[in-house]
Protein backbone atom coordinates (compact mmCIF):
# COMPACT_ATOMS: atom_id res chain seq x y z
CA MET A 1 120.43 61.27 1.91
CA SER A 2 117.61 60.53 4.37
CA ASN A 3 117.80 58.16 7.30
CA ILE A 4 115.56 55.76 5.40
CA ALA A 5 117.89 55.75 2.40
CA ASP A 6 120.88 55.26 4.71
CA ASN A 7 119.15 52.39 6.51
CA ILE A 8 118.27 50.63 3.24
CA GLU A 9 121.80 51.03 1.92
CA HIS A 10 123.22 49.72 5.21
CA LEU A 11 120.98 46.63 5.09
CA GLU A 12 121.58 45.96 1.39
CA ARG A 13 125.33 46.01 1.97
CA GLN A 14 124.97 43.25 4.57
CA LEU A 15 122.59 41.00 2.65
CA PRO A 16 124.22 38.13 0.75
CA GLU A 17 123.53 37.74 -2.95
CA GLY A 18 120.15 36.13 -3.56
CA VAL A 19 118.55 37.52 -0.39
CA LYS A 20 115.93 40.24 -0.92
CA LEU A 21 114.77 42.90 1.47
CA VAL A 22 111.02 43.25 2.11
CA ALA A 23 110.44 46.70 3.63
CA VAL A 24 107.60 46.34 6.12
CA SER A 25 105.67 49.56 5.63
CA LYS A 26 102.60 48.89 7.79
CA TYR A 27 101.34 51.98 9.66
CA HIS A 28 103.79 54.19 7.74
CA PRO A 29 102.31 56.86 5.46
CA VAL A 30 102.59 56.97 1.68
CA GLU A 31 105.26 59.73 1.81
CA VAL A 32 107.55 57.48 3.84
CA VAL A 33 107.04 54.55 1.46
CA GLN A 34 107.84 56.89 -1.44
CA GLU A 35 111.06 57.87 0.30
CA ALA A 36 112.11 54.21 0.52
CA TYR A 37 111.11 53.74 -3.13
CA ASP A 38 113.27 56.72 -4.12
CA ALA A 39 116.16 55.01 -2.30
CA GLY A 40 115.75 52.00 -4.60
CA GLN A 41 113.48 49.75 -2.52
CA ARG A 42 110.87 47.89 -4.59
CA ILE A 43 109.36 45.17 -2.35
CA PHE A 44 107.05 46.33 0.43
CA GLY A 45 105.19 44.21 2.97
CA GLU A 46 101.83 45.13 4.47
CA ASN A 47 99.87 43.38 7.23
CA LYS A 48 96.42 44.83 6.61
CA VAL A 49 94.54 44.46 3.32
CA GLN A 50 92.80 47.85 3.61
CA GLU A 51 96.11 49.61 4.12
CA LEU A 52 97.78 47.91 1.15
CA VAL A 53 94.79 48.60 -1.11
CA ALA A 54 94.72 52.26 -0.05
CA LYS A 55 98.45 52.83 -0.57
CA ALA A 56 98.98 50.96 -3.85
CA PRO A 57 97.18 53.40 -6.20
CA GLN A 58 99.05 56.38 -4.69
CA LEU A 59 102.51 54.93 -5.34
CA PRO A 60 104.57 53.85 -8.38
CA ASN A 61 103.09 50.81 -10.10
CA ASP A 62 106.36 48.86 -10.26
CA ILE A 63 106.24 48.33 -6.48
CA GLN A 64 105.85 44.67 -5.56
CA TRP A 65 103.35 44.53 -2.72
CA HIS A 66 103.63 41.50 -0.42
CA MET A 67 100.79 40.59 1.94
CA ILE A 68 102.57 39.40 5.08
CA GLY A 69 99.78 39.51 7.68
CA HIS A 70 96.92 37.14 8.42
CA LEU A 71 94.53 37.19 5.46
CA GLN A 72 90.80 36.61 5.82
CA THR A 73 89.09 34.90 2.89
CA ASN A 74 86.54 37.72 2.55
CA LYS A 75 89.36 40.24 1.87
CA VAL A 76 91.06 38.28 -0.92
CA ARG A 77 89.02 39.81 -3.75
CA MET A 78 89.95 43.43 -2.91
CA LEU A 79 93.60 42.46 -2.48
CA MET A 80 94.00 40.52 -5.72
CA PRO A 81 94.50 43.38 -8.23
CA HIS A 82 97.36 44.88 -6.19
CA VAL A 83 99.37 42.08 -4.62
CA ALA A 84 102.53 40.51 -6.11
CA MET A 85 102.91 37.84 -3.43
CA ILE A 86 100.80 36.55 -0.55
CA GLN A 87 103.27 35.30 2.06
CA SER A 88 100.65 34.24 4.60
CA ILE A 89 98.74 31.28 3.16
CA ASP A 90 97.84 29.49 6.37
CA SER A 91 95.00 27.16 5.30
CA ILE A 92 93.80 25.14 2.31
CA LYS A 93 90.56 27.14 2.37
CA LEU A 94 92.50 30.40 1.93
CA LEU A 95 94.58 28.89 -0.90
CA ARG A 96 91.39 27.84 -2.72
CA THR A 97 89.89 31.33 -2.28
CA VAL A 98 93.06 32.91 -3.70
CA GLU A 99 92.86 30.52 -6.67
CA LYS A 100 89.22 31.45 -7.30
CA GLU A 101 89.83 35.21 -7.11
CA ALA A 102 93.00 35.07 -9.23
CA ALA A 103 91.14 33.06 -11.87
CA ARG A 104 88.29 35.60 -11.80
CA ILE A 105 90.62 38.39 -12.98
CA ASP A 106 92.74 36.02 -15.10
CA ARG A 107 96.07 36.38 -13.32
CA THR A 108 98.55 34.16 -11.52
CA VAL A 109 99.67 35.10 -8.03
CA ASP A 110 102.77 33.98 -6.13
CA VAL A 111 102.22 32.62 -2.62
CA LEU A 112 104.20 31.28 0.31
CA LEU A 113 102.84 28.66 2.69
CA GLN A 114 103.04 29.92 6.27
CA LEU A 115 104.49 27.50 8.81
CA HIS A 116 103.71 27.77 12.51
CA VAL A 117 107.00 27.10 14.31
CA ALA A 118 106.83 29.69 17.11
CA ARG A 119 105.85 28.98 20.69
CA GLU A 120 103.10 31.62 20.60
CA GLU A 121 99.66 30.24 19.86
CA THR A 122 98.60 33.63 18.49
CA LYS A 123 100.72 33.20 15.36
CA SER A 124 99.05 31.66 12.31
CA GLY A 125 100.26 28.95 9.98
CA PHE A 126 100.28 25.26 9.19
CA ALA A 127 101.89 22.88 11.66
CA VAL A 128 104.72 21.06 9.84
CA GLY A 129 102.93 17.69 9.98
CA GLU A 130 99.65 19.24 8.82
CA LEU A 131 101.28 20.80 5.76
CA LEU A 132 103.15 17.61 4.83
CA ALA A 133 99.90 15.62 5.15
CA ALA A 134 98.02 18.11 2.93
CA LEU A 135 100.75 17.93 0.28
CA ALA A 136 100.81 14.13 0.44
CA VAL A 137 97.11 13.88 -0.49
CA ASN A 138 97.43 16.57 -3.20
CA GLU A 139 95.28 19.14 -1.39
CA LEU A 140 97.29 21.94 -2.96
CA ASP A 141 96.77 20.70 -6.49
CA ASN A 142 94.33 22.08 -9.09
CA CYS A 143 95.27 25.70 -8.44
CA PRO A 144 96.60 26.82 -11.84
CA HIS A 145 96.39 30.52 -10.92
CA VAL A 146 98.51 30.12 -7.79
CA ARG A 147 102.27 29.63 -7.90
CA VAL A 148 103.63 28.18 -4.67
CA ARG A 149 107.06 29.77 -4.26
CA GLY A 150 108.09 28.39 -0.85
CA LEU A 151 107.58 28.91 2.87
CA MET A 152 107.15 31.78 5.32
CA ALA A 153 107.49 31.70 9.10
CA MET A 154 107.84 33.86 12.19
CA ALA A 155 110.08 32.89 15.06
CA THR A 156 109.05 33.14 18.70
CA ASN A 157 109.34 36.65 20.09
CA THR A 158 112.13 35.90 22.55
CA ASP A 159 115.69 36.89 23.43
CA ASP A 160 116.66 33.20 23.40
CA GLN A 161 118.83 33.05 20.26
CA GLN A 162 119.05 29.25 20.41
CA GLN A 163 115.27 28.95 20.35
CA ILE A 164 115.06 31.28 17.34
CA GLU A 165 117.81 29.37 15.51
CA LYS A 166 116.06 26.07 16.23
CA GLU A 167 112.85 27.42 14.69
CA PHE A 168 114.60 28.83 11.62
CA GLN A 169 116.41 25.51 11.14
CA LEU A 170 113.07 23.67 11.30
CA VAL A 171 111.74 25.91 8.52
CA ALA A 172 114.86 25.29 6.41
CA ASP A 173 114.64 21.50 6.94
CA THR A 174 110.92 21.50 6.09
CA PHE A 175 111.58 23.55 2.95
CA ARG A 176 114.20 21.03 1.79
CA LEU A 177 111.92 18.09 2.51
CA ILE A 178 108.97 19.64 0.64
CA LYS A 179 111.20 20.65 -2.27
CA GLU A 180 112.63 17.13 -2.66
CA GLU A 181 109.33 15.35 -2.10
CA PHE A 182 106.76 17.54 -3.85
CA TYR A 183 108.49 20.19 -6.02
CA PRO A 184 111.69 18.51 -7.26
CA ASP A 185 111.37 19.85 -10.82
CA ASP A 186 109.80 23.20 -9.98
CA ALA A 187 112.48 25.91 -10.16
CA ALA A 188 109.95 28.46 -8.85
CA PHE A 189 109.76 26.74 -5.43
CA ASP A 190 112.81 28.62 -4.16
CA GLN A 191 111.83 31.11 -1.44
CA ILE A 192 112.04 31.13 2.35
CA SER A 193 110.70 34.26 4.03
CA MET A 194 111.82 34.57 7.65
CA GLY A 195 113.64 37.02 9.85
CA MET A 196 112.69 40.53 10.95
CA SER A 197 114.59 43.61 12.18
CA ASP A 198 115.98 41.83 15.27
CA ASP A 199 116.76 38.38 13.90
CA TRP A 200 117.23 38.60 10.13
CA GLN A 201 120.95 37.74 10.36
CA LEU A 202 120.07 34.41 12.01
CA ALA A 203 117.38 33.83 9.38
CA VAL A 204 119.86 34.40 6.54
CA LYS A 205 122.29 31.98 8.19
CA HIS A 206 119.54 29.34 7.98
CA GLY A 207 118.62 29.95 4.35
CA ALA A 208 116.18 32.88 4.25
CA THR A 209 115.84 34.41 0.78
CA LEU A 210 113.40 37.14 1.87
CA VAL A 211 113.78 39.12 5.11
CA ARG A 212 110.95 41.31 6.40
CA VAL A 213 112.41 44.45 7.97
CA GLY A 214 110.38 47.37 9.29
CA SER A 215 111.77 49.34 12.24
CA ALA A 216 115.40 48.98 11.10
CA ILE A 217 114.38 50.89 7.93
CA PHE A 218 111.59 53.22 9.02
CA GLY A 219 112.19 53.61 12.74
CA PRO A 220 109.33 53.20 15.24
CA ARG A 221 105.84 52.78 13.78
CA GLN A 222 103.48 55.73 13.53
CA TYR A 223 100.14 54.37 14.75
């Protein structure tokens, strides 16, 4: 068994029931993704549209591709035939573009709303108040080809565990608030994507249902 297969098995053994592993395959070649697939992995996360679109046709078609990086509106059309979930919806404009392009090819796409909870300004996402305000005035309505499944967030890149926990807890609290207030009868609003190779255990502790793990599966990236 390869290192990749060992790593996936090791992670899967630690994940509680109901938590799924998203293997972050950005910058890793098709052969490496295939190796993870052969080890049973089915959900893969990519940060760049061009990379996802290039890899998808070369790999088994039951892979669920998740877009986890910042998505520009002008790239949505090329992404749409391949993507199972867009985790990085960070504006109403992007959501509307995804709706338009999904409708154009007559499909429904799952999305997560990205929250900005980290201290770094470089990270994308809605501020908590901004998202609540948008939901309150129905700005996310009238998108029949988009299924809002929950929230995604990235914690601050820091060694301060308390800071990371505080941010994950904020995401969990916001998820509960939005669920109760805006999606009380929607069983599909059930996902929280947070946690990466270094902090996924903390994320799971605070309710993550999807963890995005790259280096702990594939080792260092091959740029």
